[in-house]
Amino acid sequence: MVFKKKKISNGKKPGFLSYLVGILGVFVVFSAGAFLQNKVTDIKFFIYQDIGDITRNTFGSLDDNITSTFDKEKDKINNKINLLLVGRGGGNHDAPDLTDTIIVSQIDIKKNLISLLSIPRDLYVEYYDGGSGKINEIYRLDMKRLGTKDLGMKSLMNKVGEIIGEEINYYVNIDFQGFIKLIDAFGGVEVEVPENFVDYRFPDGKLGYTTFVLRKGKWVLDGEIALKYARSRHSTSDFDRSVRQQQILKSLKNKISNNGFLENASKFREMYDLSNKYLDTNLDFNTILKLGFFGNKTKDLKILSFNFNDSCFYGSLNCQTGGFLYVPLRDLFGGLSVLLPNGVTKMDLNNYSDIHKFTNIIFRRPEVFLENYKINVYNGAGVNNLASEISSDIKKYGFNIPDEKSIGNAGRIYEKSVILYNGIEDNSKTIQELKKFFNGEYKKVEERKFSLDEEVKIEIVIGKDYKKVFLF
């Protein structure tokens, strides 16, 4: 491989870790499952001589029917698996049990797809003991109230399930202190930095700031530098930060699947030792075997990544996918900076109806994002700024309305609104999902009517009946 070539490392301890902590847990689990799956034909020898008590202690006793059990699990690979991925400080961290990374991961084995949804730690929610506060407190509070880490995690799983409208059965809870060791266990990650990267206000862990610089080119980053690259907030935008996180994730995924780690018993032992120290999970043996099949397909793995944000406020010109939150006045929350779903107040914290519409697309109709058909919106109602407003309403659900040159005037008044689509099938998931937000006329046409962009497949024309047909 060609590198620019330094293996970048840093001896300083990071102040907090980011999004990637939880993701690494998934790939540790995939690796475990895939390794076991590769060895299943001589699994007894593997268990007792290669790994010793590791598998017995982790997954319980294994009997003579292990192979038949494995074959049965192989037949169930159409299932979806919902995981809650949590990263917390741990160790000597100032707040060791605050879950500052909370990610829902749906693993769709049939579609070879992972859908990731990040839950902001500052989301204000109702607690199960009758109180309320930030969601990142639930694990700590209920672990103490109910007496075990597992019950604390189950409380957090239940709350996240309420928010997204999906049942979550499994969790992976990773101590932040283990992230660097885990990523270093794979020899770091290769990234290509497209432009010189400078952050003058990177937290130094001592209540101050330091400058973080990464030059343009290809680099192999160790765990600490990879975390800096992923978590930097002041160098570019949050969107770019998400891209960097996905870049590291994909690099790690490729390294695990392409470099023989899944065939290496000593590497598995190293991962196990680190995971045993820093990771808690309720995943059972059969589910990990099932994930093993999935882990072996990672070369073709598709990853979709989403988050909630506050970009879609009234009058916003930059509404983004997931813009379902707002920042209320601090005075109403004792000075705390928190987030609430749009339209929700402190007196009505359990209204997640709009969020459920969004998460339903993420977890049940992900083809909308894979199709990614480009959409333009045109105002034919004669109402100022209407195309911009409706564009924002649609865009926050993840439909592909570009930031530039995607809205305009229809050129005349339309009595009735209509959606024109070209070059796509009537049964496309995008058209099906749009019908939940627009109950007017749909018309298949041979070519675009308004847009000059050949990639535009859907044109939404707003008519005077817009209040009746747009369901926002």
Protein backbone atom coordinates (compact mmCIF):
# COMPACT_ATOMS: atom_id res chain seq x y z
CA MET A 1 0.00 0.00 0.00
CA VAL A 2 1.12 3.54 -0.62
CA PHE A 3 1.22 5.83 2.38
CA LYS A 4 2.51 9.30 3.01
CA LYS A 5 3.91 7.70 5.53
CA LYS A 6 3.96 7.99 8.84
CA LYS A 7 2.13 6.01 11.39
CA ILE A 8 0.61 8.88 13.34
CA SER A 9 0.46 8.46 17.08
CA ASN A 10 0.09 10.60 20.16
CA GLY A 11 0.89 9.87 23.77
CA LYS A 12 -1.67 12.23 25.25
CA LYS A 13 -4.82 10.87 26.88
CA PRO A 14 -8.01 12.09 25.15
CA GLY A 15 -10.62 14.03 27.07
CA PHE A 16 -13.62 12.11 25.66
CA LEU A 17 -14.26 9.63 22.88
CA SER A 18 -16.73 9.77 20.10
CA TYR A 19 -19.16 8.03 17.83
CA LEU A 20 -16.68 5.34 16.79
CA VAL A 21 -16.48 3.75 20.23
CA GLY A 22 -19.80 1.99 19.83
CA ILE A 23 -19.17 1.03 16.23
CA LEU A 24 -15.97 -0.78 17.07
CA GLY A 25 -17.97 -2.95 19.45
CA VAL A 26 -20.07 -4.22 16.57
CA PHE A 27 -17.04 -5.26 14.58
CA VAL A 28 -15.52 -6.98 17.61
CA VAL A 29 -18.73 -8.99 17.82
CA PHE A 30 -18.72 -9.66 14.05
CA SER A 31 -15.13 -10.83 14.29
CA ALA A 32 -15.93 -13.17 17.16
CA GLY A 33 -18.87 -14.66 15.33
CA ALA A 34 -17.09 -15.00 12.02
CA PHE A 35 -14.07 -16.58 13.67
CA LEU A 36 -16.27 -19.14 15.41
CA GLN A 37 -18.16 -19.74 12.17
CA ASN A 38 -14.93 -20.44 10.29
CA LYS A 39 -13.86 -22.92 12.95
CA VAL A 40 -17.20 -24.61 13.53
CA THR A 41 -16.18 -27.90 11.87
CA ASP A 42 -13.61 -28.53 14.58
CA ILE A 43 -15.11 -26.28 17.22
CA LYS A 44 -14.36 -28.57 20.15
CA PHE A 45 -10.64 -28.54 19.42
CA PHE A 46 -10.78 -24.79 18.87
CA ILE A 47 -12.57 -24.11 22.13
CA TYR A 48 -10.43 -26.24 24.37
CA GLN A 49 -7.00 -25.82 22.83
CA ASP A 50 -6.93 -22.50 20.96
CA ILE A 51 -9.03 -20.39 23.30
CA GLY A 52 -9.37 -22.49 26.40
CA ASP A 53 -12.05 -21.24 28.74
CA ILE A 54 -12.84 -18.06 26.81
CA THR A 55 -15.80 -19.34 24.86
CA ARG A 56 -17.15 -21.44 27.74
CA ASN A 57 -16.97 -18.55 30.18
CA THR A 58 -18.51 -16.07 27.78
CA PHE A 59 -21.27 -18.05 26.13
CA GLY A 60 -21.94 -20.90 28.56
CA SER A 61 -21.58 -24.65 27.99
CA LEU A 62 -21.38 -26.11 24.48
CA ASP A 63 -22.65 -29.65 23.87
CA ASP A 64 -22.22 -32.23 21.13
CA ASN A 65 -24.97 -30.62 19.08
CA ILE A 66 -23.08 -27.39 18.48
CA THR A 67 -22.80 -28.00 14.73
CA SER A 68 -26.50 -28.71 14.27
CA THR A 69 -27.34 -25.64 16.37
CA PHE A 70 -25.07 -23.60 14.13
CA ASP A 71 -26.77 -24.97 11.00
CA LYS A 72 -30.18 -24.01 12.39
CA GLU A 73 -28.97 -20.48 13.00
CA LYS A 74 -27.71 -20.35 9.43
CA ASP A 75 -31.29 -20.82 8.24
CA LYS A 76 -32.46 -17.78 10.22
CA ILE A 77 -30.29 -15.17 8.53
CA ASN A 78 -33.27 -13.25 7.19
CA ASN A 79 -33.74 -11.73 10.62
CA LYS A 80 -32.91 -8.18 11.60
CA ILE A 81 -30.96 -7.54 14.77
CA ASN A 82 -31.28 -4.27 16.70
CA LEU A 83 -28.30 -3.36 18.88
CA LEU A 84 -27.83 -0.43 21.23
CA LEU A 85 -24.21 0.69 21.14
CA VAL A 86 -23.07 2.72 24.11
CA GLY A 87 -19.77 4.40 24.91
CA ARG A 88 -19.00 5.70 28.39
CA GLY A 89 -16.01 7.18 30.18
CA GLY A 90 -15.24 4.38 32.62
CA GLY A 91 -12.08 4.09 34.66
CA ASN A 92 -10.89 7.35 36.23
CA HIS A 93 -13.04 9.49 33.96
CA ASP A 94 -14.82 12.37 35.71
CA ALA A 95 -18.19 10.85 34.81
CA PRO A 96 -17.45 7.15 34.20
CA ASP A 97 -21.06 6.02 33.76
CA LEU A 98 -22.51 8.80 31.61
CA THR A 99 -23.35 7.33 28.21
CA ASP A 100 -22.08 10.09 25.96
CA THR A 101 -22.20 7.88 22.86
CA ILE A 102 -25.60 6.29 22.16
CA ILE A 103 -26.13 4.63 18.78
CA VAL A 104 -28.84 2.33 17.49
CA SER A 105 -27.50 -0.18 14.98
CA GLN A 106 -29.90 -2.27 12.94
CA ILE A 107 -28.13 -5.19 11.28
CA ASP A 108 -30.14 -6.44 8.31
CA ILE A 109 -28.46 -9.69 7.36
CA LYS A 110 -30.66 -10.36 4.34
CA LYS A 111 -29.92 -6.96 2.80
CA ASN A 112 -26.28 -6.94 3.96
CA LEU A 113 -26.93 -3.55 5.50
CA ILE A 114 -26.19 -1.72 8.74
CA SER A 115 -28.29 1.34 9.58
CA LEU A 116 -26.85 3.55 12.31
CA LEU A 117 -28.76 6.24 14.19
CA SER A 118 -27.00 8.40 16.76
CA ILE A 119 -29.04 9.65 19.73
CA PRO A 120 -27.78 12.98 21.15
CA ARG A 121 -26.68 12.76 24.76
CA ASP A 122 -28.46 16.05 25.58
CA LEU A 123 -31.91 14.80 24.56
CA TYR A 124 -34.23 15.58 27.47
CA VAL A 125 -36.46 12.63 28.42
CA GLU A 126 -38.74 11.35 31.14
CA TYR A 127 -37.10 8.88 33.54
CA TYR A 128 -38.69 5.68 34.78
CA ASP A 129 -38.51 6.78 38.41
CA GLY A 130 -40.78 9.76 37.67
CA GLY A 131 -38.08 12.37 37.16
CA SER A 132 -36.64 13.77 33.96
CA GLY A 133 -33.27 14.81 32.56
CA LYS A 134 -30.72 14.09 29.87
CA ILE A 135 -30.80 10.66 28.30
CA ASN A 136 -27.12 10.07 29.03
CA GLU A 137 -27.96 9.85 32.76
CA ILE A 138 -30.35 6.88 32.50
CA TYR A 139 -27.74 4.13 32.63
CA ARG A 140 -25.97 5.60 35.66
CA LEU A 141 -29.16 6.33 37.59
CA ASP A 142 -30.92 3.04 36.93
CA MET A 143 -27.78 0.98 37.43
CA LYS A 144 -27.73 2.36 40.99
CA ARG A 145 -31.50 2.26 41.47
CA LEU A 146 -31.97 -1.29 40.14
CA GLY A 147 -28.67 -2.71 41.29
CA THR A 148 -26.91 -4.05 38.16
CA LYS A 149 -25.25 -2.83 34.98
CA ASP A 150 -27.51 -5.08 32.93
CA LEU A 151 -30.69 -3.54 34.35
CA GLY A 152 -29.27 -0.07 33.84
CA MET A 153 -28.63 -0.90 30.19
CA LYS A 154 -32.11 -2.38 29.78
CA SER A 155 -33.64 0.87 31.06
CA LEU A 156 -31.66 2.78 28.46
CA MET A 157 -32.64 0.27 25.77
CA ASN A 158 -36.32 0.69 26.64
CA LYS A 159 -36.13 4.48 26.54
CA VAL A 160 -34.32 4.54 23.20
CA GLY A 161 -36.87 2.04 21.89
CA GLU A 162 -39.68 4.42 22.89
CA ILE A 163 -37.98 7.30 21.10
CA ILE A 164 -37.41 5.48 17.80
CA GLY A 165 -40.45 3.17 17.85
CA GLU A 166 -38.36 0.00 17.54
CA GLU A 167 -37.76 -2.87 19.94
CA ILE A 168 -34.11 -3.21 20.94
CA ASN A 169 -33.01 -6.62 22.22
CA TYR A 170 -29.26 -6.39 22.56
CA TYR A 171 -26.64 -3.96 23.76
CA VAL A 172 -22.90 -3.46 23.55
CA ASN A 173 -21.53 -1.17 26.25
CA ILE A 174 -17.89 -0.13 25.80
CA ASP A 175 -15.64 1.56 28.31
CA PHE A 176 -14.17 4.61 26.56
CA GLN A 177 -10.73 3.80 27.94
CA GLY A 178 -10.64 0.67 25.82
CA PHE A 179 -11.23 2.30 22.46
CA ILE A 180 -7.63 3.20 21.77
CA LYS A 181 -6.39 -0.25 22.73
CA LEU A 182 -9.02 -1.94 20.58
CA ILE A 183 -8.32 0.08 17.45
CA ASP A 184 -4.58 -0.30 18.00
CA ALA A 185 -5.08 -4.08 18.22
CA PHE A 186 -5.86 -3.93 14.50
CA GLY A 187 -2.73 -1.91 13.75
CA GLY A 188 -4.50 1.42 13.32
CA VAL A 189 -6.62 2.60 10.40
CA GLU A 190 -5.67 3.94 6.99
CA VAL A 191 -7.30 7.20 5.92
CA GLU A 192 -6.84 9.59 3.03
CA VAL A 193 -7.06 13.22 4.12
CA PRO A 194 -8.31 15.23 1.10
CA GLU A 195 -7.14 18.63 2.37
CA ASN A 196 -4.84 19.93 5.08
CA PHE A 197 -6.76 19.50 8.32
CA VAL A 198 -6.35 22.02 11.16
CA ASP A 199 -8.32 22.43 14.39
CA TYR A 200 -7.09 25.29 16.58
CA ARG A 201 -9.52 24.54 19.40
CA PHE A 202 -9.17 20.84 20.07
CA PRO A 203 -9.75 20.04 23.80
CA ASP A 204 -6.51 19.16 25.55
CA GLY A 205 -8.12 17.28 28.46
CA LYS A 206 -7.01 20.00 30.90
CA LEU A 207 -9.88 22.45 30.41
CA GLY A 208 -7.93 24.14 27.64
CA TYR A 209 -7.25 23.74 23.93
CA THR A 210 -4.50 22.55 21.65
CA THR A 211 -3.94 22.64 17.89
CA PHE A 212 -4.48 19.42 15.95
CA VAL A 213 -2.99 19.23 12.44
CA LEU A 214 -3.17 16.46 9.87
CA ARG A 215 -1.65 17.09 6.45
CA LYS A 216 -3.20 16.14 3.14
CA GLY A 217 -2.38 12.59 2.04
CA LYS A 218 -2.66 8.94 3.09
CA TRP A 219 -1.93 8.07 6.70
CA VAL A 220 -2.15 5.17 9.08
CA LEU A 221 -3.58 6.56 12.31
CA ASP A 222 -3.27 4.93 15.69
CA GLY A 223 -6.23 4.93 18.07
CA GLU A 224 -5.61 8.31 19.70
CA ILE A 225 -5.04 10.23 16.48
CA ALA A 226 -7.94 8.45 14.78
CA LEU A 227 -10.17 9.67 17.59
CA LYS A 228 -8.96 13.22 17.19
CA TYR A 229 -9.60 13.05 13.46
CA ALA A 230 -13.09 11.69 14.09
CA ARG A 231 -14.16 13.95 16.92
CA SER A 232 -12.78 17.33 15.78
CA ARG A 233 -15.63 19.86 15.87
CA HIS A 234 -13.97 23.16 15.00
CA SER A 235 -12.03 22.24 11.86
CA THR A 236 -15.01 21.82 9.50
CA SER A 237 -18.73 21.08 9.87
CA ASP A 238 -20.65 18.40 11.75
CA PHE A 239 -21.52 16.89 8.38
CA ASP A 240 -17.83 16.58 7.50
CA ARG A 241 -17.17 15.09 10.92
CA SER A 242 -19.76 12.41 10.17
CA VAL A 243 -18.02 11.70 6.86
CA ARG A 244 -14.68 11.31 8.68
CA GLN A 245 -16.26 8.93 11.17
CA GLN A 246 -17.64 6.81 8.36
CA GLN A 247 -14.25 6.93 6.64
CA ILE A 248 -12.56 5.48 9.71
CA LEU A 249 -15.33 2.92 10.17
CA LYS A 250 -15.01 1.69 6.58
CA SER A 251 -11.23 1.54 6.87
CA LEU A 252 -11.52 -0.52 10.03
CA LYS A 253 -14.11 -2.78 8.42
CA ASN A 254 -11.83 -3.40 5.43
CA LYS A 255 -8.86 -4.10 7.65
CA ILE A 256 -10.74 -6.67 9.72
CA SER A 257 -12.12 -8.49 6.69
CA ASN A 258 -9.09 -8.28 4.36
CA ASN A 259 -6.10 -8.97 6.60
CA GLY A 260 -6.82 -12.39 8.05
CA PHE A 261 -7.90 -11.20 11.49
CA LEU A 262 -10.93 -13.50 11.36
CA GLU A 263 -8.62 -16.52 10.88
CA ASN A 264 -6.11 -15.64 13.60
CA ALA A 265 -6.66 -17.31 16.98
CA SER A 266 -4.10 -15.14 18.77
CA LYS A 267 -5.77 -11.99 17.42
CA PHE A 268 -9.11 -13.30 18.57
CA ARG A 269 -7.63 -13.92 22.02
CA GLU A 270 -6.27 -10.36 22.11
CA MET A 271 -9.65 -8.95 21.09
CA TYR A 272 -11.35 -11.11 23.67
CA ASP A 273 -9.04 -9.98 26.48
CA LEU A 274 -9.57 -6.32 25.62
CA SER A 275 -13.31 -6.74 25.14
CA ASN A 276 -13.65 -8.68 28.37
CA LYS A 277 -12.08 -5.77 30.21
CA TYR A 278 -13.83 -2.89 28.47
CA LEU A 279 -17.04 -4.28 26.95
CA ASP A 280 -20.35 -5.51 28.41
CA THR A 281 -22.98 -7.19 26.23
CA ASN A 282 -26.07 -9.37 26.51
CA LEU A 283 -25.53 -10.96 23.09
CA ASP A 284 -25.94 -14.73 23.27
CA PHE A 285 -23.81 -17.34 21.56
CA ASN A 286 -26.30 -18.19 18.80
CA THR A 287 -26.74 -14.53 17.87
CA ILE A 288 -22.99 -14.08 17.65
CA LEU A 289 -22.82 -17.12 15.37
CA LYS A 290 -25.49 -15.53 13.22
CA LEU A 291 -23.48 -12.32 13.10
CA GLY A 292 -20.51 -14.42 12.07
CA PHE A 293 -22.19 -15.18 8.76
CA PHE A 294 -22.83 -11.49 8.36
CA GLY A 295 -19.26 -10.60 9.32
CA ASN A 296 -17.91 -12.77 6.55
CA LYS A 297 -19.81 -10.67 3.98
CA THR A 298 -18.32 -7.34 5.04
CA LYS A 299 -16.64 -6.71 1.68
CA ASP A 300 -20.05 -5.86 0.24
CA LEU A 301 -21.47 -4.34 3.40
CA LYS A 302 -23.60 -1.22 3.00
CA ILE A 303 -23.62 1.28 5.87
CA LEU A 304 -26.19 4.04 6.32
CA SER A 305 -25.55 6.63 9.01
CA PHE A 306 -28.02 9.11 10.52
CA ASN A 307 -28.35 11.49 13.44
CA PHE A 308 -30.86 13.85 14.99
CA ASN A 309 -30.14 17.58 14.75
CA ASP A 310 -31.72 21.02 15.15
CA SER A 311 -31.19 22.27 11.58
CA CYS A 312 -34.86 22.53 10.54
CA PHE A 313 -36.06 25.51 12.57
CA TYR A 314 -38.59 27.92 11.06
CA GLY A 315 -36.98 29.91 8.25
CA SER A 316 -33.92 27.66 8.04
CA LEU A 317 -32.16 27.67 4.68
CA ASN A 318 -30.08 24.60 5.52
CA CYS A 319 -32.50 21.96 6.79
CA GLN A 320 -30.80 18.55 6.95
CA THR A 321 -31.86 14.93 7.31
CA GLY A 322 -32.84 14.24 10.93
CA GLY A 323 -33.74 17.85 11.77
CA PHE A 324 -36.39 16.95 14.35
CA LEU A 325 -34.97 18.70 17.43
CA TYR A 326 -34.74 22.19 18.88
CA VAL A 327 -32.92 23.88 21.75
CA PRO A 328 -35.37 25.26 24.35
CA LEU A 329 -34.61 28.15 26.69
CA ARG A 330 -32.12 27.16 29.38
CA ASP A 331 -34.12 28.97 32.05
CA LEU A 332 -36.85 26.36 31.70
CA PHE A 333 -34.40 23.57 32.54
CA GLY A 334 -32.42 24.99 35.43
CA GLY A 335 -29.71 26.39 33.19
CA LEU A 336 -29.10 23.11 31.36
CA SER A 337 -28.55 23.09 27.62
CA VAL A 338 -30.86 20.34 26.35
CA LEU A 339 -32.61 19.18 23.20
CA LEU A 340 -36.29 18.41 22.65
CA PRO A 341 -38.26 17.05 19.68
CA ASN A 342 -39.88 19.81 17.62
CA GLY A 343 -43.21 20.86 19.14
CA VAL A 344 -42.55 19.09 22.45
CA THR A 345 -42.38 20.87 25.83
CA LYS A 346 -41.20 19.87 29.28
CA MET A 347 -44.81 19.03 30.15
CA ASP A 348 -45.20 16.62 27.21
CA LEU A 349 -41.95 14.72 26.82
CA ASN A 350 -43.24 11.49 25.31
CA ASN A 351 -44.45 12.74 21.93
CA TYR A 352 -42.18 11.10 19.35
CA SER A 353 -44.69 10.81 16.49
CA ASP A 354 -42.65 12.74 13.89
CA ILE A 355 -39.48 10.95 14.91
CA HIS A 356 -41.24 7.61 14.42
CA LYS A 357 -42.09 8.55 10.83
CA PHE A 358 -38.40 9.20 10.22
CA THR A 359 -37.11 6.07 11.97
CA ASN A 360 -39.70 3.96 10.18
CA ILE A 361 -37.99 4.90 6.91
CA ILE A 362 -34.52 4.26 8.34
CA PHE A 363 -35.24 0.84 9.76
CA ARG A 364 -38.06 -0.47 7.55
CA ARG A 365 -37.61 1.28 4.21
CA PRO A 366 -33.85 1.88 3.95
CA GLU A 367 -34.13 1.43 0.19
CA VAL A 368 -35.22 5.08 0.08
CA PHE A 369 -31.64 6.04 0.97
CA LEU A 370 -30.11 3.41 -1.29
CA GLU A 371 -32.21 4.56 -4.26
CA ASN A 372 -31.37 8.16 -3.31
CA TYR A 373 -33.43 9.60 -6.17
CA LYS A 374 -32.84 13.31 -6.62
CA ILE A 375 -35.95 15.48 -6.01
CA ASN A 376 -36.75 19.08 -7.01
CA VAL A 377 -39.65 21.19 -5.68
CA TYR A 378 -41.54 23.88 -7.65
CA ASN A 379 -43.99 26.50 -6.39
CA GLY A 380 -47.19 26.68 -8.42
CA ALA A 381 -49.41 27.97 -5.63
CA GLY A 382 -48.46 31.65 -5.77
CA VAL A 383 -47.46 31.73 -2.08
CA ASN A 384 -44.09 33.25 -1.23
CA ASN A 385 -41.37 30.86 0.05
CA LEU A 386 -43.71 27.87 -0.12
CA ALA A 387 -41.31 25.70 -2.13
CA SER A 388 -38.58 26.34 0.44
CA GLU A 389 -40.87 25.47 3.37
CA ILE A 390 -42.21 22.26 1.86
CA SER A 391 -38.73 21.30 0.69
CA SER A 392 -37.51 21.51 4.30
CA ASP A 393 -40.48 19.50 5.55
CA ILE A 394 -39.65 16.71 3.11
CA LYS A 395 -35.88 16.89 3.37
CA LYS A 396 -35.68 16.24 7.11
CA TYR A 397 -37.09 12.76 6.52
CA GLY A 398 -34.07 11.94 4.38
CA PHE A 399 -35.41 12.42 0.87
CA ASN A 400 -32.69 13.62 -1.49
CA ILE A 401 -33.41 17.30 -2.12
CA PRO A 402 -30.03 18.93 -2.90
CA ASP A 403 -28.96 22.05 -1.03
CA GLU A 404 -28.58 24.05 -4.25
CA LYS A 405 -30.73 24.52 -7.37
CA SER A 406 -33.45 22.19 -6.10
CA ILE A 407 -36.38 24.62 -5.70
CA GLY A 408 -38.01 27.12 -8.04
CA ASN A 409 -41.22 28.52 -9.48
CA ALA A 410 -43.48 26.42 -11.70
CA GLY A 411 -44.06 29.35 -14.07
CA ARG A 412 -47.81 29.38 -13.65
CA ILE A 413 -50.50 28.71 -11.04
CA TYR A 414 -51.51 25.07 -10.54
CA GLU A 415 -54.90 24.36 -9.01
CA LYS A 416 -53.80 20.89 -7.94
CA SER A 417 -50.46 19.68 -6.66
CA VAL A 418 -48.77 16.83 -8.52
CA ILE A 419 -45.66 14.67 -8.24
CA LEU A 420 -44.01 13.93 -11.59
CA TYR A 421 -41.51 11.08 -11.78
CA ASN A 422 -39.39 9.76 -14.63
CA GLY A 423 -37.05 6.83 -15.15
CA ILE A 424 -38.08 4.96 -11.99
CA GLU A 425 -40.56 2.21 -11.24
CA ASP A 426 -44.03 2.82 -9.81
CA ASN A 427 -43.22 0.52 -6.89
CA SER A 428 -39.98 2.22 -5.89
CA LYS A 429 -39.65 2.62 -2.14
CA THR A 430 -39.13 6.37 -2.57
CA ILE A 431 -42.51 6.79 -4.27
CA GLN A 432 -44.17 4.51 -1.71
CA GLU A 433 -42.80 6.54 1.20
CA LEU A 434 -43.67 9.89 -0.39
CA LYS A 435 -47.30 8.75 -0.41
CA LYS A 436 -47.26 8.94 3.39
CA PHE A 437 -46.57 12.66 3.12
CA PHE A 438 -48.44 13.57 -0.06
CA ASN A 439 -51.87 12.22 -1.01
CA GLY A 440 -52.30 14.12 -4.28
CA GLU A 441 -51.77 13.03 -7.88
CA TYR A 442 -48.71 11.01 -8.97
CA LYS A 443 -47.88 11.03 -12.68
CA LYS A 444 -45.22 9.03 -14.50
CA VAL A 445 -43.66 11.04 -17.34
CA GLU A 446 -41.10 10.39 -20.05
CA GLU A 447 -38.78 13.24 -19.08
CA ARG A 448 -38.33 16.10 -16.63
CA LYS A 449 -40.66 19.07 -16.99
CA PHE A 450 -38.72 21.77 -15.11
CA SER A 451 -35.24 20.71 -14.04
CA LEU A 452 -32.15 20.93 -16.25
CA ASP A 453 -30.39 18.34 -14.09
CA GLU A 454 -30.55 14.94 -15.81
CA GLU A 455 -30.21 13.16 -12.46
CA VAL A 456 -33.50 14.57 -11.13
CA LYS A 457 -36.07 11.77 -11.06
CA ILE A 458 -38.90 13.38 -9.08
CA GLU A 459 -40.42 16.87 -9.45
CA ILE A 460 -42.91 18.03 -6.84
CA VAL A 461 -45.25 20.74 -8.11
CA ILE A 462 -47.08 22.61 -5.34
CA GLY A 463 -50.61 23.66 -6.25
CA LYS A 464 -53.24 25.81 -4.55
CA ASP A 465 -54.59 22.70 -2.78
CA TYR A 466 -51.31 22.21 -0.86
CA LYS A 467 -52.92 22.45 2.58
CA LYS A 468 -55.08 19.42 1.79
CA VAL A 469 -52.54 17.14 0.14
CA PHE A 470 -49.27 17.68 2.04
CA LEU A 471 -49.42 15.73 5.30
CA PHE A 472 -46.95 17.54 7.54
